[in-house]
PDB file of N, CA and C in Angstrom:
ATOM      1  N   MET A   1      55.597  50.954  42.120  1.00  0.00           N
ATOM      2  CA  MET A   1      55.006  51.828  42.135  1.00  0.00           C
ATOM      3  C   MET A   1      53.665  50.890  41.954  1.00  0.00           C
ATOM      4  N   ILE A   2      52.296  51.598  43.064  1.00  0.00           N
ATOM      5  CA  ILE A   2      51.251  50.774  43.034  1.00  0.00           C
ATOM      6  C   ILE A   2      49.874  51.942  42.193  1.00  0.00           C
ATOM      7  N   TYR A   3      49.676  51.790  41.328  1.00  0.00           N
ATOM      8  CA  TYR A   3      48.535  53.177  40.845  1.00  0.00           C
ATOM      9  C   TYR A   3      46.828  52.421  41.049  1.00  0.00           C
ATOM     10  N   ASN A   4      46.648  53.312  42.202  1.00  0.00           N
ATOM     11  CA  ASN A   4      44.752  53.045  42.277  1.00  0.00           C
ATOM     12  C   ASN A   4      43.972  54.199  41.409  1.00  0.00           C
ATOM     13  N   CYS A   5      42.872  53.683  41.077  1.00  0.00           N
ATOM     14  CA  CYS A   5      42.131  54.571  40.015  1.00  0.00           C
ATOM     15  C   CYS A   5      40.636  53.904  40.602  1.00  0.00           C
ATOM     16  N   ALA A   6      39.665  54.674  41.037  1.00  0.00           N
ATOM     17  CA  ALA A   6      38.149  54.446  41.673  1.00  0.00           C
ATOM     18  C   ALA A   6      37.647  55.627  41.123  1.00  0.00           C
ATOM     19  N   ASN A   7      36.296  55.378  41.508  1.00  0.00           N
ATOM     20  CA  ASN A   7      35.017  56.209  41.922  1.00  0.00           C
ATOM     21  C   ASN A   7      34.334  56.081  42.799  1.00  0.00           C
ATOM     22  N   TRP A   8      34.388  57.818  43.389  1.00  0.00           N
ATOM     23  CA  TRP A   8      33.406  57.122  45.052  1.00  0.00           C
ATOM     24  C   TRP A   8      32.215  56.270  45.205  1.00  0.00           C
ATOM     25  N   ALA A   9      31.281  56.702  44.230  1.00  0.00           N
ATOM     26  CA  ALA A   9      30.072  55.984  43.581  1.00  0.00           C
ATOM     27  C   ALA A   9      30.360  54.214  44.175  1.00  0.00           C
ATOM     28  N   ASP A  10      31.637  53.832  43.639  1.00  0.00           N
ATOM     29  CA  ASP A  10      31.796  52.244  43.062  1.00  0.00           C
ATOM     30  C   ASP A  10      32.417  51.735  44.697  1.00  0.00           C
ATOM     31  N   LEU A  11      32.671  52.815  45.798  1.00  0.00           N
ATOM     32  CA  LEU A  11      33.455  52.328  46.703  1.00  0.00           C
ATOM     33  C   LEU A  11      32.209  52.027  47.679  1.00  0.00           C
ATOM     34  N   PRO A  12      32.644  50.808  48.792  1.00  0.00           N
ATOM     35  CA  PRO A  12      31.614  50.419  49.816  1.00  0.00           C
ATOM     36  C   PRO A  12      31.471  51.456  50.650  1.00  0.00           C
ATOM     37  N   TRP A  13      30.496  52.026  51.347  1.00  0.00           N
ATOM     38  CA  TRP A  13      30.558  52.519  52.940  1.00  0.00           C
ATOM     39  C   TRP A  13      30.699  51.484  53.608  1.00  0.00           C
ATOM     40  N   THR A  14      31.526  51.948  55.017  1.00  0.00           N
ATOM     41  CA  THR A  14      31.854  51.304  55.831  1.00  0.00           C
ATOM     42  C   THR A  14      30.725  52.204  57.303  1.00  0.00           C
ATOM     43  N   GLU A  15      30.498  51.391  58.090  1.00  0.00           N
ATOM     44  CA  GLU A  15      29.210  52.481  59.308  1.00  0.00           C
ATOM     45  C   GLU A  15      30.509  52.109  60.600  1.00  0.00           C
ATOM     46  N   VAL A  16      30.815  53.468  60.554  1.00  0.00           N
ATOM     47  CA  VAL A  16      31.755  53.549  62.230  1.00  0.00           C
ATOM     48  C   VAL A  16      31.473  53.082  62.914  1.00  0.00           C
ATOM     49  N   ARG A  17      30.045  53.764  63.419  1.00  0.00           N
ATOM     50  CA  ARG A  17      28.647  53.503  64.185  1.00  0.00           C
ATOM     51  C   ARG A  17      27.604  54.476  64.200  1.00  0.00           C
ATOM     52  N   PRO A  18      26.861  54.081  64.752  1.00  0.00           N
ATOM     53  CA  PRO A  18      25.092  54.628  64.646  1.00  0.00           C
ATOM     54  C   PRO A  18      25.698  56.063  63.953  1.00  0.00           C
ATOM     55  N   GLY A  19      24.824  56.839  63.129  1.00  0.00           N
ATOM     56  CA  GLY A  19      24.651  58.162  62.628  1.00  0.00           C
ATOM     57  C   GLY A  19      26.691  58.542  62.151  1.00  0.00           C
ATOM     58  N   VAL A  20      27.584  57.232  61.923  1.00  0.00           N
ATOM     59  CA  VAL A  20      28.542  57.858  60.967  1.00  0.00           C
ATOM     60  C   VAL A  20      28.992  56.812  59.969  1.00  0.00           C
ATOM     61  N   ARG A  21      29.009  57.387  58.843  1.00  0.00           N
ATOM     62  CA  ARG A  21      29.701  55.845  57.797  1.00  0.00           C
ATOM     63  C   ARG A  21      31.230  56.934  57.038  1.00  0.00           C
ATOM     64  N   ARG A  22      31.526  55.587  56.505  1.00  0.00           N
ATOM     65  CA  ARG A  22      32.946  56.579  55.738  1.00  0.00           C
ATOM     66  C   ARG A  22      33.266  55.466  54.564  1.00  0.00           C
ATOM     67  N   LYS A  23      33.555  55.948  53.498  1.00  0.00           N
ATOM     68  CA  LYS A  23      34.109  55.519  52.541  1.00  0.00           C
ATOM     69  C   LYS A  23      35.495  55.876  52.187  1.00  0.00           C
ATOM     70  N   ALA A  24      36.417  54.542  51.892  1.00  0.00           N
ATOM     71  CA  ALA A  24      38.058  55.412  51.678  1.00  0.00           C
ATOM     72  C   ALA A  24      38.811  54.767  50.702  1.00  0.00           C
ATOM     73  N   PHE A  25      39.672  55.426  50.202  1.00  0.00           N
ATOM     74  CA  PHE A  25      40.725  55.193  49.213  1.00  0.00           C
ATOM     75  C   PHE A  25      41.850  55.808  49.887  1.00  0.00           C
ATOM     76  N   THR A  26      43.165  54.884  49.717  1.00  0.00           N
ATOM     77  CA  THR A  26      44.255  55.037  49.832  1.00  0.00           C
ATOM     78  C   THR A  26      45.337  54.387  49.123  1.00  0.00           C
ATOM     79  N   GLY A  27      46.385  55.003  48.700  1.00  0.00           N
ATOM     80  CA  GLY A  27      47.456  54.759  48.063  1.00  0.00           C
ATOM     81  C   GLY A  27      48.965  54.852  49.340  1.00  0.00           C
ATOM     82  N   GLU A  28      50.311  54.905  48.653  1.00  0.00           N
ATOM     83  CA  GLU A  28      50.892  54.304  49.170  1.00  0.00           C
ATOM     84  C   GLU A  28      51.552  55.191  50.282  1.00  0.00           C
ATOM     85  N   GLY A  29      51.004  56.275  50.634  1.00  0.00           N
ATOM     86  CA  GLY A  29      51.557  57.208  51.728  1.00  0.00           C
ATOM     87  C   GLY A  29      50.526  57.855  51.847  1.00  0.00           C
ATOM     88  N   ALA A  30      49.354  58.365  51.898  1.00  0.00           N
ATOM     89  CA  ALA A  30      48.163  58.773  52.106  1.00  0.00           C
ATOM     90  C   ALA A  30      46.706  57.993  52.213  1.00  0.00           C
ATOM     91  N   THR A  31      45.696  58.571  52.855  1.00  0.00           N
ATOM     92  CA  THR A  31      44.250  57.785  53.018  1.00  0.00           C
ATOM     93  C   THR A  31      43.337  59.144  52.540  1.00  0.00           C
ATOM     94  N   PHE A  32      42.611  58.776  51.817  1.00  0.00           N
ATOM     95  CA  PHE A  32      41.281  59.921  51.666  1.00  0.00           C
ATOM     96  C   PHE A  32      40.108  59.428  51.998  1.00  0.00           C
ATOM     97  N   ALA A  33      39.788  59.958  52.614  1.00  0.00           N
ATOM     98  CA  ALA A  33      38.291  59.412  53.062  1.00  0.00           C
ATOM     99  C   ALA A  33      37.336  60.146  52.785  1.00  0.00           C
ATOM    100  N   MET A  34      36.032  59.663  52.776  1.00  0.00           N
ATOM    101  CA  MET A  34      34.810  60.515  52.817  1.00  0.00           C
ATOM    102  C   MET A  34      33.604  60.083  53.599  1.00  0.00           C
ATOM    103  N   ASN A  35      33.221  61.083  54.707  1.00  0.00           N
ATOM    104  CA  ASN A  35      32.230  60.649  55.363  1.00  0.00           C
ATOM    105  C   ASN A  35      31.035  61.404  55.337  1.00  0.00           C
ATOM    106  N   GLU A  36      30.362  60.693  56.070  1.00  0.00           N
ATOM    107  CA  GLU A  36      28.924  61.023  56.232  1.00  0.00           C
ATOM    108  C   GLU A  36      28.661  60.715  58.259  1.00  0.00           C
ATOM    109  N   LEU A  37      27.886  62.342  58.434  1.00  0.00           N
ATOM    110  CA  LEU A  37      27.756  62.095  59.641  1.00  0.00           C
ATOM    111  C   LEU A  37      26.427  63.135  59.626  1.00  0.00           C
ATOM    112  N   GLN A  38      25.216  62.205  60.575  1.00  0.00           N
ATOM    113  CA  GLN A  38      24.245  62.585  61.026  1.00  0.00           C
ATOM    114  C   GLN A  38      23.672  63.359  61.683  1.00  0.00           C
ATOM    115  N   PRO A  39      22.939  64.431  61.296  1.00  0.00           N
ATOM    116  CA  PRO A  39      22.396  65.208  62.521  1.00  0.00           C
ATOM    117  C   PRO A  39      22.099  64.789  64.141  1.00  0.00           C
ATOM    118  N   HIS A  40      22.431  64.826  64.659  1.00  0.00           N
ATOM    119  CA  HIS A  40      22.192  64.741  66.316  1.00  0.00           C
ATOM    120  C   HIS A  40      23.069  63.231  66.433  1.00  0.00           C
ATOM    121  N   HIS A  41      23.840  63.273  65.952  1.00  0.00           N
ATOM    122  CA  HIS A  41      25.197  61.745  66.089  1.00  0.00           C
ATOM    123  C   HIS A  41      25.414  62.161  67.189  1.00  0.00           C
ATOM    124  N   GLU A  42      26.345  60.882  67.990  1.00  0.00           N
ATOM    125  CA  GLU A  42      27.326  61.131  69.171  1.00  0.00           C
ATOM    126  C   GLU A  42      28.289  61.189  68.910  1.00  0.00           C
ATOM    127  N   PRO A  43      28.634  62.818  69.441  1.00  0.00           N
ATOM    128  CA  PRO A  43      30.487  63.128  68.640  1.00  0.00           C
ATOM    129  C   PRO A  43      30.928  62.811  69.237  1.00  0.00           C
ATOM    130  N   ARG A  44      32.500  61.786  69.028  1.00  0.00           N
ATOM    131  CA  ARG A  44      33.496  61.215  69.829  1.00  0.00           C
ATOM    132  C   ARG A  44      34.681  61.825  69.938  1.00  0.00           C
ATOM    133  N   PRO A  45      35.025  62.333  70.497  1.00  0.00           N
ATOM    134  CA  PRO A  45      36.491  62.919  70.827  1.00  0.00           C
ATOM    135  C   PRO A  45      37.572  61.734  70.153  1.00  0.00           C
ATOM    136  N   HIS A  46      38.348  62.458  70.221  1.00  0.00           N
ATOM    137  CA  HIS A  46      39.416  61.819  69.707  1.00  0.00           C
ATOM    138  C   HIS A  46      40.922  61.929  69.029  1.00  0.00           C
ATOM    139  N   LYS A  47      42.065  61.191  69.352  1.00  0.00           N
ATOM    140  CA  LYS A  47      43.223  61.774  68.250  1.00  0.00           C
ATOM    141  C   LYS A  47      43.907  60.635  68.117  1.00  0.00           C
ATOM    142  N   HIS A  48      44.640  60.780  66.978  1.00  0.00           N
ATOM    143  CA  HIS A  48      45.748  59.789  66.400  1.00  0.00           C
ATOM    144  C   HIS A  48      46.551  60.414  65.801  1.00  0.00           C
ATOM    145  N   PRO A  49      47.620  59.735  65.524  1.00  0.00           N
ATOM    146  CA  PRO A  49      49.398  60.287  64.765  1.00  0.00           C
ATOM    147  C   PRO A  49      49.153  60.432  63.382  1.00  0.00           C
ATOM    148  N   TYR A  50      47.824  60.730  62.900  1.00  0.00           N
ATOM    149  CA  TYR A  50      47.852  61.209  61.676  1.00  0.00           C
ATOM    150  C   TYR A  50      47.863  62.846  61.407  1.00  0.00           C
ATOM    151  N   GLU A  51      48.119  63.480  60.542  1.00  0.00           N
ATOM    152  CA  GLU A  51      48.366  64.532  59.691  1.00  0.00           C
ATOM    153  C   GLU A  51      46.618  64.480  59.249  1.00  0.00           C
ATOM    154  N   GLN A  52      45.767  66.140  59.838  1.00  0.00           N
ATOM    155  CA  GLN A  52      44.807  65.121  58.824  1.00  0.00           C
ATOM    156  C   GLN A  52      43.840  66.390  58.601  1.00  0.00           C
ATOM    157  N   ILE A  53      43.414  66.652  56.810  1.00  0.00           N
ATOM    158  CA  ILE A  53      43.066  67.929  56.668  1.00  0.00           C
ATOM    159  C   ILE A  53      41.664  67.467  56.532  1.00  0.00           C
ATOM    160  N   ALA A  54      40.538  68.481  56.299  1.00  0.00           N
ATOM    161  CA  ALA A  54      39.363  68.155  56.376  1.00  0.00           C
ATOM    162  C   ALA A  54      38.645  68.976  55.505  1.00  0.00           C
ATOM    163  N   TYR A  55      38.068  68.674  54.462  1.00  0.00           N
ATOM    164  CA  TYR A  55      37.232  70.063  53.803  1.00  0.00           C
ATOM    165  C   TYR A  55      35.444  69.572  54.071  1.00  0.00           C
ATOM    166  N   ILE A  56      35.006  70.247  54.253  1.00  0.00           N
ATOM    167  CA  ILE A  56      32.937  70.117  54.340  1.00  0.00           C
ATOM    168  C   ILE A  56      32.680  70.607  52.800  1.00  0.00           C
ATOM    169  N   ALA A  57      32.155  69.216  51.995  1.00  0.00           N
ATOM    170  CA  ALA A  57      31.479  69.533  51.166  1.00  0.00           C
ATOM    171  C   ALA A  57      29.894  69.754  51.191  1.00  0.00           C
ATOM    172  N   ALA A  58      29.371  69.313  52.147  1.00  0.00           N
ATOM    173  CA  ALA A  58      27.613  70.027  52.483  1.00  0.00           C
ATOM    174  C   ALA A  58      27.564  69.954  54.261  1.00  0.00           C
ATOM    175  N   GLY A  59      26.489  71.024  54.529  1.00  0.00           N
ATOM    176  CA  GLY A  59      26.364  70.588  55.765  1.00  0.00           C
ATOM    177  C   GLY A  59      27.309  71.759  56.549  1.00  0.00           C
ATOM    178  N   VAL A  60      26.588  71.551  57.574  1.00  0.00           N
ATOM    179  CA  VAL A  60      27.799  72.649  59.003  1.00  0.00           C
ATOM    180  C   VAL A  60      28.302  71.993  60.145  1.00  0.00           C
ATOM    181  N   CYS A  61      29.187  72.358  60.308  1.00  0.00           N
ATOM    182  CA  CYS A  61      29.516  71.548  61.856  1.00  0.00           C
ATOM    183  C   CYS A  61      30.683  72.504  62.579  1.00  0.00           C
ATOM    184  N   ASP A  62      30.327  72.204  63.986  1.00  0.00           N
ATOM    185  CA  ASP A  62      31.623  73.169  64.652  1.00  0.00           C
ATOM    186  C   ASP A  62      32.665  72.247  64.816  1.00  0.00           C
ATOM    187  N   TYR A  63      33.811  72.114  64.500  1.00  0.00           N
ATOM    188  CA  TYR A  63      35.017  71.286  64.369  1.00  0.00           C
ATOM    189  C   TYR A  63      35.702  72.021  65.720  1.00  0.00           C
ATOM    190  N   HIS A  64      36.024  71.015  66.541  1.00  0.00           N
ATOM    191  CA  HIS A  64      36.355  71.256  68.008  1.00  0.00           C
ATOM    192  C   HIS A  64      37.658  70.613  67.877  1.00  0.00           C
ATOM    193  N   ILE A  65      38.543  71.412  68.367  1.00  0.00           N
ATOM    194  CA  ILE A  65      40.585  70.868  68.102  1.00  0.00           C
ATOM    195  C   ILE A  65      41.133  71.504  69.526  1.00  0.00           C
ATOM    196  N   GLU A  66      41.192  70.278  70.424  1.00  0.00           N
ATOM    197  CA  GLU A  66      41.432  70.624  72.146  1.00  0.00           C
ATOM    198  C   GLU A  66      40.603  71.764  72.686  1.00  0.00           C
ATOM    199  N   ASP A  67      40.549  72.910  72.593  1.00  0.00           N
ATOM    200  CA  ASP A  67      40.119  73.556  73.444  1.00  0.00           C
ATOM    201  C   ASP A  67      39.830  74.985  72.423  1.00  0.00           C
ATOM    202  N   GLN A  68      39.521  74.857  70.864  1.00  0.00           N
ATOM    203  CA  GLN A  68      39.553  75.800  69.998  1.00  0.00           C
ATOM    204  C   GLN A  68      38.086  75.087  69.403  1.00  0.00           C
ATOM    205  N   VAL A  69      37.279  76.149  68.775  1.00  0.00           N
ATOM    206  CA  VAL A  69      36.073  75.812  68.056  1.00  0.00           C
ATOM    207  C   VAL A  69      36.131  76.490  67.104  1.00  0.00           C
ATOM    208  N   PHE A  70      35.708  75.565  65.702  1.00  0.00           N
ATOM    209  CA  PHE A  70      35.785  76.422  64.138  1.00  0.00           C
ATOM    210  C   PHE A  70      34.601  76.266  63.560  1.00  0.00           C
ATOM    211  N   ARG A  71      33.086  76.710  63.072  1.00  0.00           N
ATOM    212  CA  ARG A  71      32.248  76.639  62.672  1.00  0.00           C
ATOM    213  C   ARG A  71      32.539  76.719  60.926  1.00  0.00           C
ATOM    214  N   LEU A  72      32.626  75.696  60.493  1.00  0.00           N
ATOM    215  CA  LEU A  72      32.873  75.272  58.781  1.00  0.00           C
ATOM    216  C   LEU A  72      31.402  74.599  58.051  1.00  0.00           C
ATOM    217  N   THR A  73      31.497  75.524  57.267  1.00  0.00           N
ATOM    218  CA  THR A  73      30.337  75.806  56.058  1.00  0.00           C
ATOM    219  C   THR A  73      30.894  75.134  54.884  1.00  0.00           C
ATOM    220  N   PRO A  74      30.029  74.686  53.798  1.00  0.00           N
ATOM    221  CA  PRO A  74      30.621  74.045  52.651  1.00  0.00           C
ATOM    222  C   PRO A  74      31.408  74.764  52.241  1.00  0.00           C
ATOM    223  N   GLY A  75      32.522  74.252  51.516  1.00  0.00           N
ATOM    224  CA  GLY A  75      33.835  75.162  51.097  1.00  0.00           C
ATOM    225  C   GLY A  75      34.735  75.016  52.115  1.00  0.00           C
ATOM    226  N   GLY A  76      34.499  74.711  53.619  1.00  0.00           N
ATOM    227  CA  GLY A  76      35.552  74.983  54.540  1.00  0.00           C
ATOM    228  C   GLY A  76      36.223  74.128  55.013  1.00  0.00           C
ATOM    229  N   MET A  77      37.630  74.285  55.395  1.00  0.00           N
ATOM    230  CA  MET A  77      38.819  72.946  55.487  1.00  0.00           C
ATOM    231  C   MET A  77      39.437  73.788  56.875  1.00  0.00           C
ATOM    232  N   LEU A  78      40.077  72.709  57.082  1.00  0.00           N
ATOM    233  CA  LEU A  78      41.209  72.991  58.070  1.00  0.00           C
ATOM    234  C   LEU A  78      42.415  72.019  58.291  1.00  0.00           C
ATOM    235  N   VAL A  79      43.606  72.221  58.827  1.00  0.00           N
ATOM    236  CA  VAL A  79      44.213  71.296  59.168  1.00  0.00           C
ATOM    237  C   VAL A  79      44.380  70.292  60.689  1.00  0.00           C
ATOM    238  N   ILE A  80      44.244  69.514  61.205  1.00  0.00           N
ATOM    239  CA  ILE A  80      44.220  68.992  62.438  1.00  0.00           C
ATOM    240  C   ILE A  80      45.801  68.418  62.791  1.00  0.00           C
ATOM    241  N   PRO A  81      46.908  68.722  63.047  1.00  0.00           N
ATOM    242  CA  PRO A  81      48.065  67.968  63.833  1.00  0.00           C
ATOM    243  C   PRO A  81      47.675  66.712  64.181  1.00  0.00           C
ATOM    244  N   PRO A  82      48.806  65.928  63.945  1.00  0.00           N
ATOM    245  CA  PRO A  82      49.142  64.679  64.766  1.00  0.00           C
ATOM    246  C   PRO A  82      48.777  64.925  66.344  1.00  0.00           C
ATOM    247  N   ASN A  83      48.389  63.563  67.005  1.00  0.00           N
ATOM    248  CA  ASN A  83      47.790  64.002  68.275  1.00  0.00           C
ATOM    249  C   ASN A  83      47.538  64.943  69.135  1.00  0.00           C
ATOM    250  N   LEU A  84      46.239  65.515  68.406  1.00  0.00           N
ATOM    251  CA  LEU A  84      45.749  66.390  69.079  1.00  0.00           C
ATOM    252  C   LEU A  84      44.097  66.274  68.688  1.00  0.00           C
ATOM    253  N   MET A  85      43.703  66.273  70.077  1.00  0.00           N
ATOM    254  CA  MET A  85      42.212  65.900  70.561  1.00  0.00           C
ATOM    255  C   MET A  85      41.346  66.471  69.263  1.00  0.00           C
ATOM    256  N   HIS A  86      40.169  65.994  68.682  1.00  0.00           N
ATOM    257  CA  HIS A  86      39.683  66.836  67.865  1.00  0.00           C
ATOM    258  C   HIS A  86      38.175  65.677  67.575  1.00  0.00           C
ATOM    259  N   TYR A  87      37.178  66.177  67.371  1.00  0.00           N
ATOM    260  CA  TYR A  87      35.772  66.210  66.701  1.00  0.00           C
ATOM    261  C   TYR A  87      35.057  66.644  66.018  1.00  0.00           C
ATOM    262  N   ALA A  88      33.957  66.443  65.403  1.00  0.00           N
ATOM    263  CA  ALA A  88      33.093  67.469  64.435  1.00  0.00           C
ATOM    264  C   ALA A  88      32.056  66.879  65.114  1.00  0.00           C
ATOM    265  N   GLU A  89      30.868  68.317  64.886  1.00  0.00           N
ATOM    266  CA  GLU A  89      29.539  68.105  65.506  1.00  0.00           C
ATOM    267  C   GLU A  89      29.083  68.918  64.460  1.00  0.00           C
ATOM    268  N   VAL A  90      27.530  67.968  64.200  1.00  0.00           N
ATOM    269  CA  VAL A  90      26.900  68.733  62.915  1.00  0.00           C
ATOM    270  C   VAL A  90      25.993  69.941  63.686  1.00  0.00           C
ATOM    271  N   VAL A  91      25.516  70.939  63.388  1.00  0.00           N
ATOM    272  CA  VAL A  91      24.645  71.869  63.169  1.00  0.00           C
ATOM    273  C   VAL A  91      23.833  71.667  62.542  1.00  0.00           C
ATOM    274  N   GLY A  92      22.634  71.945  62.941  1.00  0.00           N
ATOM    275  CA  GLY A  92      21.572  72.243  62.026  1.00  0.00           C
ATOM    276  C   GLY A  92      21.065  70.588  61.846  1.00  0.00           C
ATOM    277  N   ASP A  93      19.527  70.337  60.804  1.00  0.00           N
ATOM    278  CA  ASP A  93      19.409  69.083  60.222  1.00  0.00           C
ATOM    279  C   ASP A  93      19.906  68.734  59.254  1.00  0.00           C
ATOM    280  N   GLU A  94      20.865  68.781  58.764  1.00  0.00           N
ATOM    281  CA  GLU A  94      21.237  69.021  57.433  1.00  0.00           C
ATOM    282  C   GLU A  94      22.591  67.433  57.528  1.00  0.00           C
ATOM    283  N   VAL A  95      22.528  66.683  56.493  1.00  0.00           N
ATOM    284  CA  VAL A  95      23.534  65.859  56.815  1.00  0.00           C
ATOM    285  C   VAL A  95      25.195  65.932  56.569  1.00  0.00           C
ATOM    286  N   LEU A  96      25.844  66.023  57.156  1.00  0.00           N
ATOM    287  CA  LEU A  96      27.493  66.555  57.102  1.00  0.00           C
ATOM    288  C   LEU A  96      28.212  65.775  55.857  1.00  0.00           C
ATOM    289  N   VAL A  97      28.669  66.066  54.578  1.00  0.00           N
ATOM    290  CA  VAL A  97      29.705  65.360  54.101  1.00  0.00           C
ATOM    291  C   VAL A  97      30.850  65.878  53.792  1.00  0.00           C
ATOM    292  N   ASN A  98      31.927  65.390  54.444  1.00  0.00           N
ATOM    293  CA  ASN A  98      33.381  65.937  54.448  1.00  0.00           C
ATOM    294  C   ASN A  98      34.240  65.002  54.295  1.00  0.00           C
ATOM    295  N   PHE A  99      35.409  65.349  52.908  1.00  0.00           N
ATOM    296  CA  PHE A  99      36.545  64.769  52.659  1.00  0.00           C
ATOM    297  C   PHE A  99      37.669  64.760  54.068  1.00  0.00           C
ATOM    298  N   ASP A 100      37.975  63.756  54.165  1.00  0.00           N
ATOM    299  CA  ASP A 100      39.746  63.725  54.851  1.00  0.00           C
ATOM    300  C   ASP A 100      40.523  63.596  53.836  1.00  0.00           C
ATOM    301  N   ILE A 101      42.315  63.625  54.415  1.00  0.00           N
ATOM    302  CA  ILE A 101      43.422  63.146  53.634  1.00  0.00           C
ATOM    303  C   ILE A 101      44.042  63.171  54.973  1.00  0.00           C
ATOM    304  N   PHE A 102      44.523  61.547  54.918  1.00  0.00           N
ATOM    305  CA  PHE A 102      45.401  61.385  56.117  1.00  0.00           C
ATOM    306  C   PHE A 102      46.620  60.994  55.733  1.00  0.00           C
ATOM    307  N   THR A 103      47.649  61.411  56.647  1.00  0.00           N
ATOM    308  CA  THR A 103      49.445  61.114  56.204  1.00  0.00           C
ATOM    309  C   THR A 103      50.059  60.680  57.185  1.00  0.00           C
ATOM    310  N   PRO A 104      50.702  59.775  57.645  1.00  0.00           N
ATOM    311  CA  PRO A 104      50.403  58.419  56.511  1.00  0.00           C
ATOM    312  C   PRO A 104      49.444  57.668  56.076  1.00  0.00           C
ATOM    313  N   LYS A 105      49.596  56.834  55.396  1.00  0.00           N
ATOM    314  CA  LYS A 105      47.827  56.520  55.363  1.00  0.00           C
ATOM    315  C   LYS A 105      47.403  55.929  56.668  1.00  0.00           C
ATOM    316  N   ARG A 106      46.205  55.719  56.886  1.00  0.00           N
ATOM    317  CA  ARG A 106      45.398  54.834  57.816  1.00  0.00           C
ATOM    318  C   ARG A 106      45.459  53.701  57.395  1.00  0.00           C
ATOM    319  N   GLU A 107      46.256  52.634  57.919  1.00  0.00           N
ATOM    320  CA  GLU A 107      46.216  50.935  57.600  1.00  0.00           C
ATOM    321  C   GLU A 107      44.572  50.332  57.962  1.00  0.00           C
ATOM    322  N   GLU A 108      43.974  51.370  58.895  1.00  0.00           N
ATOM    323  CA  GLU A 108      43.307  50.393  59.759  1.00  0.00           C
ATOM    324  C   GLU A 108      42.043  50.655  58.391  1.00  0.00           C
ATOM    325  N   TYR A 109      42.298  51.471  57.549  1.00  0.00           N
ATOM    326  CA  TYR A 109      41.011  52.155  56.666  1.00  0.00           C
ATOM    327  C   TYR A 109      40.878  51.570  55.499  1.00  0.00           C
ATOM    328  N   VAL A 110      42.149  50.265  55.289  1.00  0.00           N
ATOM    329  CA  VAL A 110      42.459  49.796  54.146  1.00  0.00           C
ATOM    330  C   VAL A 110      41.667  48.209  54.478  1.00  0.00           C
ATOM    331  N   LYS A 111      40.700  47.845  53.647  1.00  0.00           N
ATOM    332  CA  LYS A 111      40.605  46.334  53.615  1.00  0.00           C
ATOM    333  C   LYS A 111      40.364  45.509  52.738  1.00  0.00           C
TER     334      LYS A 111
END
């Protein structure tokens, strides 16, 4: 068994694209990620083979999953099943901070 221990403040940011950056922490079977999305960033619809649980810590977004839209505010969360097209769109001028849990773990987040 591998045990990991970290503090978000000590983990490096990775710039995903302009206006989007992330920190990630991973275990044997899951990845926990912290994301910052700037207002007016370019949303990029995507899908992946992972189940994803998203939690909004700060800011407001419209979370698009296939043809549905969910308005999420701080404390809001949702589950995104594998292989569904989705993306988050920041609403307003506040930076969106969200946390994601992915299962199984996302190897591309591990560096």
